[in-house]
Amino acid sequence: MFRSQFGLIGKAAKSASLFKTQQSRLYASGALSKNDIQSRIFDVLKSFDKVKGENLTEQASFTNDLGLDSLDAVEVVMAIEEEFAIEIPDAEADAIQNVNQAIEYIAKTPEAH
């Protein structure tokens, strides 16, 4: 009987120490720099065939400057979500129309990594 009770206590203790370890890891990474965010967003945009490198600037509009249609712009936002492991609510995603807006959104999102 002692053995089975100790086994439960031992599992709980291991589980608690594992939780503390994982919890401290969540706080170990720092915020992303704007330069890092910009570089990664540029890389995402360069992966789209329609985007030409010479048109890619921080102020570039997805549709007017980069030549993307509305469906492409939605795909860009989805690719940015995947790149930074976040989910952008639809209303906020619709408001992201250029590179700078994407950078600013990621910079203010603490879950982005």
PDB file of N, CA and C in Angstrom:
ATOM      1  N   MET A   1       0.823  -1.183   0.000  1.00  0.00           N
ATOM      2  CA  MET A   1       0.000   0.000   0.000  1.00  0.00           C
ATOM      3  C   MET A   1       0.872   1.253   0.000  1.00  0.00           C
ATOM      4  N   PHE A   2       1.895   1.267   0.823  1.00  0.00           N
ATOM      5  CA  PHE A   2       2.798   2.416   0.880  1.00  0.00           C
ATOM      6  C   PHE A   2       3.398   2.691  -0.487  1.00  0.00           C
ATOM      7  N   ARG A   3       3.733   1.636  -1.179  1.00  0.00           N
ATOM      8  CA  ARG A   3       4.336   1.781  -2.494  1.00  0.00           C
ATOM      9  C   ARG A   3       3.396   2.483  -3.475  1.00  0.00           C
ATOM     10  N   SER A   4       2.130   2.091  -3.492  1.00  0.00           N
ATOM     11  CA  SER A   4       1.192   2.712  -4.424  1.00  0.00           C
ATOM     12  C   SER A   4       0.933   4.170  -4.049  1.00  0.00           C
ATOM     13  N   GLN A   5       0.889   4.479  -2.759  1.00  0.00           N
ATOM     14  CA  GLN A   5       0.700   5.874  -2.356  1.00  0.00           C
ATOM     15  C   GLN A   5       1.933   6.701  -2.707  1.00  0.00           C
ATOM     16  N   PHE A   6       3.107   6.135  -2.481  1.00  0.00           N
ATOM     17  CA  PHE A   6       4.335   6.853  -2.816  1.00  0.00           C
ATOM     18  C   PHE A   6       4.428   7.083  -4.316  1.00  0.00           C
ATOM     19  N   GLY A   7       3.969   6.104  -5.083  1.00  0.00           N
ATOM     20  CA  GLY A   7       3.982   6.253  -6.535  1.00  0.00           C
ATOM     21  C   GLY A   7       3.147   7.441  -6.982  1.00  0.00           C
ATOM     22  N   LEU A   8       1.986   7.622  -6.381  1.00  0.00           N
ATOM     23  CA  LEU A   8       1.139   8.766  -6.725  1.00  0.00           C
ATOM     24  C   LEU A   8       1.789  10.076  -6.313  1.00  0.00           C
ATOM     25  N   ILE A   9       2.380  10.092  -5.117  1.00  0.00           N
ATOM     26  CA  ILE A   9       3.059  11.302  -4.644  1.00  0.00           C
ATOM     27  C   ILE A   9       4.265  11.594  -5.522  1.00  0.00           C
ATOM     28  N   GLY A  10       5.004  10.561  -5.880  1.00  0.00           N
ATOM     29  CA  GLY A  10       6.176  10.731  -6.737  1.00  0.00           C
ATOM     30  C   GLY A  10       5.801  11.289  -8.097  1.00  0.00           C
ATOM     31  N   LYS A  11       4.713  10.781  -8.673  1.00  0.00           N
ATOM     32  CA  LYS A  11       4.252  11.288  -9.968  1.00  0.00           C
ATOM     33  C   LYS A  11       3.832  12.747  -9.858  1.00  0.00           C
ATOM     34  N   ALA A  12       3.143  13.084  -8.778  1.00  0.00           N
ATOM     35  CA  ALA A  12       2.704  14.469  -8.591  1.00  0.00           C
ATOM     36  C   ALA A  12       3.908  15.390  -8.433  1.00  0.00           C
ATOM     37  N   ALA A  13       4.919  14.940  -7.693  1.00  0.00           N
ATOM     38  CA  ALA A  13       6.117  15.760  -7.492  1.00  0.00           C
ATOM     39  C   ALA A  13       6.857  15.953  -8.810  1.00  0.00           C
ATOM     40  N   LYS A  14       6.975  14.880  -9.600  1.00  0.00           N
ATOM     41  CA  LYS A  14       7.633  15.001 -10.901  1.00  0.00           C
ATOM     42  C   LYS A  14       6.855  15.945 -11.804  1.00  0.00           C
ATOM     43  N   SER A  15       5.549  15.800 -11.780  1.00  0.00           N
ATOM     44  CA  SER A  15       4.699  16.646 -12.610  1.00  0.00           C
ATOM     45  C   SER A  15       4.832  18.111 -12.209  1.00  0.00           C
ATOM     46  N   ALA A  16       4.867  18.381 -10.909  1.00  0.00           N
ATOM     47  CA  ALA A  16       4.993  19.760 -10.431  1.00  0.00           C
ATOM     48  C   ALA A  16       6.337  20.349 -10.823  1.00  0.00           C
ATOM     49  N   SER A  17       7.407  19.568 -10.714  1.00  0.00           N
ATOM     50  CA  SER A  17       8.718  20.102 -11.085  1.00  0.00           C
ATOM     51  C   SER A  17       8.811  20.309 -12.592  1.00  0.00           C
ATOM     52  N   LEU A  18       8.161  19.461 -13.370  1.00  0.00           N
ATOM     53  CA  LEU A  18       8.136  19.634 -14.818  1.00  0.00           C
ATOM     54  C   LEU A  18       7.388  20.912 -15.174  1.00  0.00           C
ATOM     55  N   PHE A  19       6.282  21.172 -14.486  1.00  0.00           N
ATOM     56  CA  PHE A  19       5.510  22.389 -14.748  1.00  0.00           C
ATOM     57  C   PHE A  19       6.354  23.625 -14.459  1.00  0.00           C
ATOM     58  N   LYS A  20       7.085  23.624 -13.365  1.00  0.00           N
ATOM     59  CA  LYS A  20       7.924  24.781 -13.032  1.00  0.00           C
ATOM     60  C   LYS A  20       8.983  25.001 -14.097  1.00  0.00           C
ATOM     61  N   THR A  21       9.561  23.917 -14.592  1.00  0.00           N
ATOM     62  CA  THR A  21      10.586  24.027 -15.626  1.00  0.00           C
ATOM     63  C   THR A  21       9.993  24.616 -16.894  1.00  0.00           C
ATOM     64  N   GLN A  22       8.857  24.111 -17.315  1.00  0.00           N
ATOM     65  CA  GLN A  22       8.226  24.630 -18.522  1.00  0.00           C
ATOM     66  C   GLN A  22       7.786  26.072 -18.334  1.00  0.00           C
ATOM     67  N   GLN A  23       7.287  26.383 -17.155  1.00  0.00           N
ATOM     68  CA  GLN A  23       6.827  27.733 -16.898  1.00  0.00           C
ATOM     69  C   GLN A  23       7.989  28.716 -16.998  1.00  0.00           C
ATOM     70  N   SER A  24       9.142  28.366 -16.466  1.00  0.00           N
ATOM     71  CA  SER A  24      10.282  29.278 -16.536  1.00  0.00           C
ATOM     72  C   SER A  24      10.788  29.419 -17.963  1.00  0.00           C
ATOM     73  N   ARG A  25      10.619  28.397 -18.781  1.00  0.00           N
ATOM     74  CA  ARG A  25      11.041  28.490 -20.174  1.00  0.00           C
ATOM     75  C   ARG A  25      10.198  29.493 -20.954  1.00  0.00           C
ATOM     76  N   LEU A  26       8.947  29.626 -20.594  1.00  0.00           N
ATOM     77  CA  LEU A  26       8.085  30.566 -21.294  1.00  0.00           C
ATOM     78  C   LEU A  26       8.580  31.998 -21.156  1.00  0.00           C
ATOM     79  N   TYR A  27       9.229  32.295 -20.055  1.00  0.00           N
ATOM     80  CA  TYR A  27       9.702  33.642 -19.815  1.00  0.00           C
ATOM     81  C   TYR A  27      11.150  33.835 -20.234  1.00  0.00           C
ATOM     82  N   ALA A  28      11.780  32.801 -20.735  1.00  0.00           N
ATOM     83  CA  ALA A  28      13.203  32.874 -21.062  1.00  0.00           C
ATOM     84  C   ALA A  28      13.475  33.656 -22.341  1.00  0.00           C
ATOM     85  N   SER A  29      12.533  33.661 -23.271  1.00  0.00           N
ATOM     86  CA  SER A  29      12.796  34.350 -24.526  1.00  0.00           C
ATOM     87  C   SER A  29      12.387  35.810 -24.417  1.00  0.00           C
ATOM     88  N   GLY A  30      13.191  36.677 -25.038  1.00  0.00           N
ATOM     89  CA  GLY A  30      12.903  38.099 -25.001  1.00  0.00           C
ATOM     90  C   GLY A  30      12.001  38.495 -26.148  1.00  0.00           C
ATOM     91  N   ALA A  31      11.615  39.751 -26.136  1.00  0.00           N
ATOM     92  CA  ALA A  31      10.779  40.275 -27.212  1.00  0.00           C
ATOM     93  C   ALA A  31      11.583  40.335 -28.505  1.00  0.00           C
ATOM     94  N   LEU A  32      10.899  40.227 -29.606  1.00  0.00           N
ATOM     95  CA  LEU A  32      11.549  40.304 -30.911  1.00  0.00           C
ATOM     96  C   LEU A  32      11.893  41.750 -31.228  1.00  0.00           C
ATOM     97  N   SER A  33      13.047  41.958 -31.832  1.00  0.00           N
ATOM     98  CA  SER A  33      13.407  43.310 -32.258  1.00  0.00           C
ATOM     99  C   SER A  33      12.664  43.632 -33.555  1.00  0.00           C
ATOM    100  N   LYS A  34      12.466  44.914 -33.803  1.00  0.00           N
ATOM    101  CA  LYS A  34      11.778  45.312 -35.043  1.00  0.00           C
ATOM    102  C   LYS A  34      12.590  44.908 -36.266  1.00  0.00           C
ATOM    103  N   ASN A  35      13.922  44.947 -36.162  1.00  0.00           N
ATOM    104  CA  ASN A  35      14.757  44.522 -37.292  1.00  0.00           C
ATOM    105  C   ASN A  35      14.549  43.046 -37.602  1.00  0.00           C
ATOM    106  N   ASP A  36      14.461  42.230 -36.554  1.00  0.00           N
ATOM    107  CA  ASP A  36      14.230  40.794 -36.742  1.00  0.00           C
ATOM    108  C   ASP A  36      12.849  40.559 -37.354  1.00  0.00           C
ATOM    109  N   ILE A  37      11.861  41.271 -36.837  1.00  0.00           N
ATOM    110  CA  ILE A  37      10.502  41.142 -37.373  1.00  0.00           C
ATOM    111  C   ILE A  37      10.476  41.539 -38.845  1.00  0.00           C
ATOM    112  N   GLN A  38      11.088  42.678 -39.168  1.00  0.00           N
ATOM    113  CA  GLN A  38      11.106  43.155 -40.559  1.00  0.00           C
ATOM    114  C   GLN A  38      11.783  42.144 -41.470  1.00  0.00           C
ATOM    115  N   SER A  39      12.907  41.625 -41.040  1.00  0.00           N
ATOM    116  CA  SER A  39      13.643  40.656 -41.850  1.00  0.00           C
ATOM    117  C   SER A  39      12.796  39.410 -42.124  1.00  0.00           C
ATOM    118  N   ARG A  40      12.134  38.920 -41.100  1.00  0.00           N
ATOM    119  CA  ARG A  40      11.319  37.717 -41.260  1.00  0.00           C
ATOM    120  C   ARG A  40      10.090  37.977 -42.129  1.00  0.00           C
ATOM    121  N   ILE A  41       9.483  39.141 -41.990  1.00  0.00           N
ATOM    122  CA  ILE A  41       8.333  39.473 -42.838  1.00  0.00           C
ATOM    123  C   ILE A  41       8.784  39.639 -44.285  1.00  0.00           C
ATOM    124  N   PHE A  42       9.938  40.269 -44.505  1.00  0.00           N
ATOM    125  CA  PHE A  42      10.475  40.383 -45.864  1.00  0.00           C
ATOM    126  C   PHE A  42      10.693  38.997 -46.460  1.00  0.00           C
ATOM    127  N   ASP A  43      11.232  38.071 -45.664  1.00  0.00           N
ATOM    128  CA  ASP A  43      11.454  36.701 -46.150  1.00  0.00           C
ATOM    129  C   ASP A  43      10.132  36.032 -46.525  1.00  0.00           C
ATOM    130  N   VAL A  44       9.105  36.244 -45.704  1.00  0.00           N
ATOM    131  CA  VAL A  44       7.780  35.692 -46.016  1.00  0.00           C
ATOM    132  C   VAL A  44       7.293  36.252 -47.343  1.00  0.00           C
ATOM    133  N   LEU A  45       7.406  37.565 -47.511  1.00  0.00           N
ATOM    134  CA  LEU A  45       6.925  38.203 -48.742  1.00  0.00           C
ATOM    135  C   LEU A  45       7.720  37.765 -49.966  1.00  0.00           C
ATOM    136  N   LYS A  46       9.022  37.568 -49.809  1.00  0.00           N
ATOM    137  CA  LYS A  46       9.860  37.129 -50.933  1.00  0.00           C
ATOM    138  C   LYS A  46       9.483  35.730 -51.410  1.00  0.00           C
ATOM    139  N   SER A  47       8.818  34.970 -50.549  1.00  0.00           N
ATOM    140  CA  SER A  47       8.412  33.613 -50.936  1.00  0.00           C
ATOM    141  C   SER A  47       7.220  33.625 -51.897  1.00  0.00           C
ATOM    142  N   PHE A  48       6.587  34.779 -52.075  1.00  0.00           N
ATOM    143  CA  PHE A  48       5.476  34.912 -53.019  1.00  0.00           C
ATOM    144  C   PHE A  48       6.034  35.296 -54.384  1.00  0.00           C
ATOM    145  N   ASP A  49       5.663  34.546 -55.409  1.00  0.00           N
ATOM    146  CA  ASP A  49       6.189  34.758 -56.760  1.00  0.00           C
ATOM    147  C   ASP A  49       5.926  36.160 -57.298  1.00  0.00           C
ATOM    148  N   LYS A  50       4.793  36.743 -56.959  1.00  0.00           N
ATOM    149  CA  LYS A  50       4.434  38.062 -57.486  1.00  0.00           C
ATOM    150  C   LYS A  50       5.275  39.196 -56.897  1.00  0.00           C
ATOM    151  N   VAL A  51       5.884  38.976 -55.741  1.00  0.00           N
ATOM    152  CA  VAL A  51       6.622  40.045 -55.058  1.00  0.00           C
ATOM    153  C   VAL A  51       8.027  40.156 -55.634  1.00  0.00           C
ATOM    154  N   LYS A  52       8.348  41.348 -56.095  1.00  0.00           N
ATOM    155  CA  LYS A  52       9.688  41.622 -56.622  1.00  0.00           C
ATOM    156  C   LYS A  52      10.491  42.324 -55.529  1.00  0.00           C
ATOM    157  N   GLY A  53      11.708  41.875 -55.329  1.00  0.00           N
ATOM    158  CA  GLY A  53      12.558  42.395 -54.263  1.00  0.00           C
ATOM    159  C   GLY A  53      12.751  43.897 -54.290  1.00  0.00           C
ATOM    160  N   GLU A  54      12.845  44.477 -55.487  1.00  0.00           N
ATOM    161  CA  GLU A  54      13.091  45.920 -55.582  1.00  0.00           C
ATOM    162  C   GLU A  54      11.898  46.753 -55.099  1.00  0.00           C
ATOM    163  N   ASN A  55      10.714  46.173 -55.054  1.00  0.00           N
ATOM    164  CA  ASN A  55       9.526  46.890 -54.578  1.00  0.00           C
ATOM    165  C   ASN A  55       9.300  46.726 -53.079  1.00  0.00           C
ATOM    166  N   LEU A  56      10.087  45.884 -52.457  1.00  0.00           N
ATOM    167  CA  LEU A  56       9.866  45.537 -51.060  1.00  0.00           C
ATOM    168  C   LEU A  56      10.524  46.560 -50.135  1.00  0.00           C
ATOM    169  N   THR A  57       9.696  47.357 -49.488  1.00  0.00           N
ATOM    170  CA  THR A  57      10.157  48.336 -48.502  1.00  0.00           C
ATOM    171  C   THR A  57       9.246  48.240 -47.290  1.00  0.00           C
ATOM    172  N   GLU A  58       9.624  48.909 -46.232  1.00  0.00           N
ATOM    173  CA  GLU A  58       8.806  48.894 -45.024  1.00  0.00           C
ATOM    174  C   GLU A  58       7.454  49.574 -45.260  1.00  0.00           C
ATOM    175  N   GLN A  59       7.403  50.525 -46.161  1.00  0.00           N
ATOM    176  CA  GLN A  59       6.162  51.268 -46.432  1.00  0.00           C
ATOM    177  C   GLN A  59       5.318  50.638 -47.544  1.00  0.00           C
ATOM    178  N   ALA A  60       5.783  49.560 -48.150  1.00  0.00           N
ATOM    179  CA  ALA A  60       5.106  48.967 -49.306  1.00  0.00           C
ATOM    180  C   ALA A  60       3.719  48.430 -48.959  1.00  0.00           C
ATOM    181  N   SER A  61       2.764  48.818 -49.788  1.00  0.00           N
ATOM    182  CA  SER A  61       1.399  48.301 -49.692  1.00  0.00           C
ATOM    183  C   SER A  61       1.368  46.929 -50.367  1.00  0.00           C
ATOM    184  N   PHE A  62       0.648  45.989 -49.765  1.00  0.00           N
ATOM    185  CA  PHE A  62       0.569  44.651 -50.357  1.00  0.00           C
ATOM    186  C   PHE A  62      -0.026  44.703 -51.765  1.00  0.00           C
ATOM    187  N   THR A  63      -1.070  45.502 -51.955  1.00  0.00           N
ATOM    188  CA  THR A  63      -1.750  45.522 -53.254  1.00  0.00           C
ATOM    189  C   THR A  63      -1.161  46.553 -54.210  1.00  0.00           C
ATOM    190  N   ASN A  64      -0.990  47.787 -53.773  1.00  0.00           N
ATOM    191  CA  ASN A  64      -0.539  48.849 -54.679  1.00  0.00           C
ATOM    192  C   ASN A  64       0.931  48.728 -55.078  1.00  0.00           C
ATOM    193  N   ASP A  65       1.805  48.442 -54.122  1.00  0.00           N
ATOM    194  CA  ASP A  65       3.246  48.423 -54.400  1.00  0.00           C
ATOM    195  C   ASP A  65       3.789  47.042 -54.749  1.00  0.00           C
ATOM    196  N   LEU A  66       3.238  46.017 -54.126  1.00  0.00           N
ATOM    197  CA  LEU A  66       3.773  44.668 -54.339  1.00  0.00           C
ATOM    198  C   LEU A  66       2.988  43.875 -55.379  1.00  0.00           C
ATOM    199  N   GLY A  67       1.878  44.429 -55.856  1.00  0.00           N
ATOM    200  CA  GLY A  67       1.127  43.783 -56.928  1.00  0.00           C
ATOM    201  C   GLY A  67       0.326  42.568 -56.514  1.00  0.00           C
ATOM    202  N   LEU A  68       0.011  42.459 -55.235  1.00  0.00           N
ATOM    203  CA  LEU A  68      -0.778  41.326 -54.760  1.00  0.00           C
ATOM    204  C   LEU A  68      -2.260  41.659 -54.854  1.00  0.00           C
ATOM    205  N   ASP A  69      -3.078  40.652 -55.162  1.00  0.00           N
ATOM    206  CA  ASP A  69      -4.520  40.881 -55.131  1.00  0.00           C
ATOM    207  C   ASP A  69      -5.031  40.613 -53.714  1.00  0.00           C
ATOM    208  N   SER A  70      -6.324  40.776 -53.502  1.00  0.00           N
ATOM    209  CA  SER A  70      -6.872  40.653 -52.148  1.00  0.00           C
ATOM    210  C   SER A  70      -6.688  39.244 -51.575  1.00  0.00           C
ATOM    211  N   LEU A  71      -6.794  38.228 -52.415  1.00  0.00           N
ATOM    212  CA  LEU A  71      -6.578  36.859 -51.948  1.00  0.00           C
ATOM    213  C   LEU A  71      -5.119  36.649 -51.557  1.00  0.00           C
ATOM    214  N   ASP A  72      -4.201  37.194 -52.355  1.00  0.00           N
ATOM    215  CA  ASP A  72      -2.777  37.115 -52.015  1.00  0.00           C
ATOM    216  C   ASP A  72      -2.504  37.799 -50.680  1.00  0.00           C
ATOM    217  N   ALA A  73      -3.139  38.948 -50.452  1.00  0.00           N
ATOM    218  CA  ALA A  73      -2.935  39.685 -49.199  1.00  0.00           C
ATOM    219  C   ALA A  73      -3.389  38.854 -48.001  1.00  0.00           C
ATOM    220  N   VAL A  74      -4.499  38.133 -48.160  1.00  0.00           N
ATOM    221  CA  VAL A  74      -4.968  37.238 -47.098  1.00  0.00           C
ATOM    222  C   VAL A  74      -3.945  36.130 -46.869  1.00  0.00           C
ATOM    223  N   GLU A  75      -3.399  35.576 -47.946  1.00  0.00           N
ATOM    224  CA  GLU A  75      -2.387  34.525 -47.827  1.00  0.00           C
ATOM    225  C   GLU A  75      -1.116  35.048 -47.166  1.00  0.00           C
ATOM    226  N   VAL A  76      -0.762  36.299 -47.430  1.00  0.00           N
ATOM    227  CA  VAL A  76       0.408  36.907 -46.782  1.00  0.00           C
ATOM    228  C   VAL A  76       0.193  36.957 -45.274  1.00  0.00           C
ATOM    229  N   VAL A  77      -0.970  37.429 -44.857  1.00  0.00           N
ATOM    230  CA  VAL A  77      -1.258  37.514 -43.422  1.00  0.00           C
ATOM    231  C   VAL A  77      -1.247  36.120 -42.798  1.00  0.00           C
ATOM    232  N   MET A  78      -1.781  35.132 -43.492  1.00  0.00           N
ATOM    233  CA  MET A  78      -1.753  33.755 -42.979  1.00  0.00           C
ATOM    234  C   MET A  78      -0.317  33.247 -42.863  1.00  0.00           C
ATOM    235  N   ALA A  79       0.523  33.579 -43.828  1.00  0.00           N
ATOM    236  CA  ALA A  79       1.929  33.168 -43.780  1.00  0.00           C
ATOM    237  C   ALA A  79       2.655  33.861 -42.628  1.00  0.00           C
ATOM    238  N   ILE A  80       2.302  35.109 -42.363  1.00  0.00           N
ATOM    239  CA  ILE A  80       2.894  35.829 -41.230  1.00  0.00           C
ATOM    240  C   ILE A  80       2.452  35.188 -39.919  1.00  0.00           C
ATOM    241  N   GLU A  81       1.188  34.797 -39.831  1.00  0.00           N
ATOM    242  CA  GLU A  81       0.704  34.087 -38.640  1.00  0.00           C
ATOM    243  C   GLU A  81       1.525  32.824 -38.408  1.00  0.00           C
ATOM    244  N   GLU A  82       1.750  32.081 -39.465  1.00  0.00           N
ATOM    245  CA  GLU A  82       2.520  30.843 -39.356  1.00  0.00           C
ATOM    246  C   GLU A  82       3.972  31.123 -38.970  1.00  0.00           C
ATOM    247  N   GLU A  83       4.570  32.122 -39.573  1.00  0.00           N
ATOM    248  CA  GLU A  83       5.966  32.467 -39.294  1.00  0.00           C
ATOM    249  C   GLU A  83       6.187  32.818 -37.828  1.00  0.00           C
ATOM    250  N   PHE A  84       5.238  33.535 -37.233  1.00  0.00           N
ATOM    251  CA  PHE A  84       5.401  34.008 -35.863  1.00  0.00           C
ATOM    252  C   PHE A  84       4.580  33.206 -34.854  1.00  0.00           C
ATOM    253  N   ALA A  85       3.968  32.116 -35.306  1.00  0.00           N
ATOM    254  CA  ALA A  85       3.205  31.199 -34.445  1.00  0.00           C
ATOM    255  C   ALA A  85       2.136  31.934 -33.634  1.00  0.00           C
ATOM    256  N   ILE A  86       1.348  32.749 -34.334  1.00  0.00           N
ATOM    257  CA  ILE A  86       0.254  33.477 -33.693  1.00  0.00           C
ATOM    258  C   ILE A  86      -1.005  33.332 -34.542  1.00  0.00           C
ATOM    259  N   GLU A  87      -2.118  33.758 -33.966  1.00  0.00           N
ATOM    260  CA  GLU A  87      -3.364  33.819 -34.724  1.00  0.00           C
ATOM    261  C   GLU A  87      -3.875  35.248 -34.648  1.00  0.00           C
ATOM    262  N   ILE A  88      -4.051  35.858 -35.795  1.00  0.00           N
ATOM    263  CA  ILE A  88      -4.513  37.239 -35.871  1.00  0.00           C
ATOM    264  C   ILE A  88      -6.023  37.212 -36.105  1.00  0.00           C
ATOM    265  N   PRO A  89      -6.797  37.856 -35.226  1.00  0.00           N
ATOM    266  CA  PRO A  89      -8.251  37.900 -35.435  1.00  0.00           C
ATOM    267  C   PRO A  89      -8.590  38.524 -36.792  1.00  0.00           C
ATOM    268  N   ASP A  90      -9.682  38.069 -37.393  1.00  0.00           N
ATOM    269  CA  ASP A  90     -10.054  38.507 -38.742  1.00  0.00           C
ATOM    270  C   ASP A  90     -10.131  40.025 -38.886  1.00  0.00           C
ATOM    271  N   ALA A  91     -10.753  40.693 -37.930  1.00  0.00           N
ATOM    272  CA  ALA A  91     -10.902  42.153 -38.029  1.00  0.00           C
ATOM    273  C   ALA A  91      -9.536  42.839 -38.060  1.00  0.00           C
ATOM    274  N   GLU A  92      -8.600  42.344 -37.256  1.00  0.00           N
ATOM    275  CA  GLU A  92      -7.258  42.930 -37.231  1.00  0.00           C
ATOM    276  C   GLU A  92      -6.465  42.533 -38.468  1.00  0.00           C
ATOM    277  N   ALA A  93      -6.678  41.316 -38.950  1.00  0.00           N
ATOM    278  CA  ALA A  93      -5.987  40.862 -40.162  1.00  0.00           C
ATOM    279  C   ALA A  93      -6.408  41.694 -41.365  1.00  0.00           C
ATOM    280  N   ASP A  94      -7.686  42.042 -41.427  1.00  0.00           N
ATOM    281  CA  ASP A  94      -8.184  42.870 -42.534  1.00  0.00           C
ATOM    282  C   ASP A  94      -7.556  44.259 -42.539  1.00  0.00           C
ATOM    283  N   ALA A  95      -7.154  44.736 -41.368  1.00  0.00           N
ATOM    284  CA  ALA A  95      -6.564  46.075 -41.255  1.00  0.00           C
ATOM    285  C   ALA A  95      -5.091  46.103 -41.667  1.00  0.00           C
ATOM    286  N   ILE A  96      -4.455  44.946 -41.771  1.00  0.00           N
ATOM    287  CA  ILE A  96      -3.036  44.889 -42.156  1.00  0.00           C
ATOM    288  C   ILE A  96      -2.959  44.934 -43.676  1.00  0.00           C
ATOM    289  N   GLN A  97      -2.602  46.094 -44.202  1.00  0.00           N
ATOM    290  CA  GLN A  97      -2.574  46.317 -45.648  1.00  0.00           C
ATOM    291  C   GLN A  97      -1.182  46.602 -46.200  1.00  0.00           C
ATOM    292  N   ASN A  98      -0.200  46.787 -45.307  1.00  0.00           N
ATOM    293  CA  ASN A  98       1.158  47.056 -45.787  1.00  0.00           C
ATOM    294  C   ASN A  98       2.181  46.442 -44.840  1.00  0.00           C
ATOM    295  N   VAL A  99       3.419  46.488 -45.253  1.00  0.00           N
ATOM    296  CA  VAL A  99       4.501  45.851 -44.499  1.00  0.00           C
ATOM    297  C   VAL A  99       4.624  46.466 -43.110  1.00  0.00           C
ATOM    298  N   ASN A 100       4.592  47.792 -43.019  1.00  0.00           N
ATOM    299  CA  ASN A 100       4.759  48.456 -41.734  1.00  0.00           C
ATOM    300  C   ASN A 100       3.659  48.072 -40.748  1.00  0.00           C
ATOM    301  N   GLN A 101       2.430  47.962 -41.212  1.00  0.00           N
ATOM    302  CA  GLN A 101       1.337  47.550 -40.331  1.00  0.00           C
ATOM    303  C   GLN A 101       1.567  46.132 -39.808  1.00  0.00           C
ATOM    304  N   ALA A 102       2.105  45.272 -40.641  1.00  0.00           N
ATOM    305  CA  ALA A 102       2.410  43.904 -40.205  1.00  0.00           C
ATOM    306  C   ALA A 102       3.515  43.915 -39.151  1.00  0.00           C
ATOM    307  N   ILE A 103       4.561  44.708 -39.391  1.00  0.00           N
ATOM    308  CA  ILE A 103       5.667  44.806 -38.431  1.00  0.00           C
ATOM    309  C   ILE A 103       5.151  45.324 -37.092  1.00  0.00           C
ATOM    310  N   GLU A 104       4.373  46.388 -37.123  1.00  0.00           N
ATOM    311  CA  GLU A 104       3.844  46.982 -35.888  1.00  0.00           C
ATOM    312  C   GLU A 104       2.933  46.002 -35.150  1.00  0.00           C
ATOM    313  N   TYR A 105       2.120  45.256 -35.879  1.00  0.00           N
ATOM    314  CA  TYR A 105       1.230  44.289 -35.232  1.00  0.00           C
ATOM    315  C   TYR A 105       2.049  43.212 -34.516  1.00  0.00           C
ATOM    316  N   ILE A 106       3.043  42.672 -35.185  1.00  0.00           N
ATOM    317  CA  ILE A 106       3.876  41.629 -34.572  1.00  0.00           C
ATOM    318  C   ILE A 106       4.632  42.194 -33.378  1.00  0.00           C
ATOM    319  N   ALA A 107       5.146  43.411 -33.496  1.00  0.00           N
ATOM    320  CA  ALA A 107       5.913  44.028 -32.409  1.00  0.00           C
ATOM    321  C   ALA A 107       5.072  44.204 -31.143  1.00  0.00           C
ATOM    322  N   LYS A 108       3.787  44.449 -31.290  1.00  0.00           N
ATOM    323  CA  LYS A 108       2.935  44.653 -30.111  1.00  0.00           C
ATOM    324  C   LYS A 108       2.272  43.358 -29.630  1.00  0.00           C
ATOM    325  N   THR A 109       2.608  42.238 -30.250  1.00  0.00           N
ATOM    326  CA  THR A 109       2.013  40.951 -29.888  1.00  0.00           C
ATOM    327  C   THR A 109       3.024  40.130 -29.091  1.00  0.00           C
ATOM    328  N   PRO A 110       2.854  40.057 -27.766  1.00  0.00           N
ATOM    329  CA  PRO A 110       3.848  39.364 -26.935  1.00  0.00           C
ATOM    330  C   PRO A 110       3.949  37.861 -27.206  1.00  0.00           C
ATOM    331  N   GLU A 111       2.901  37.253 -27.769  1.00  0.00           N
ATOM    332  CA  GLU A 111       2.934  35.808 -28.038  1.00  0.00           C
ATOM    333  C   GLU A 111       3.776  35.461 -29.255  1.00  0.00           C
ATOM    334  N   ALA A 112       4.093  36.457 -30.065  1.00  0.00           N
ATOM    335  CA  ALA A 112       4.859  36.204 -31.298  1.00  0.00           C
ATOM    336  C   ALA A 112       6.272  35.772 -30.954  1.00  0.00           C
ATOM    337  N   HIS A 113       6.729  34.767 -31.668  1.00  0.00           N
ATOM    338  CA  HIS A 113       8.122  34.322 -31.486  1.00  0.00           C
ATOM    339  C   HIS A 113       8.657  33.734 -32.768  1.00  0.00           C
TER     340      HIS A 113
END
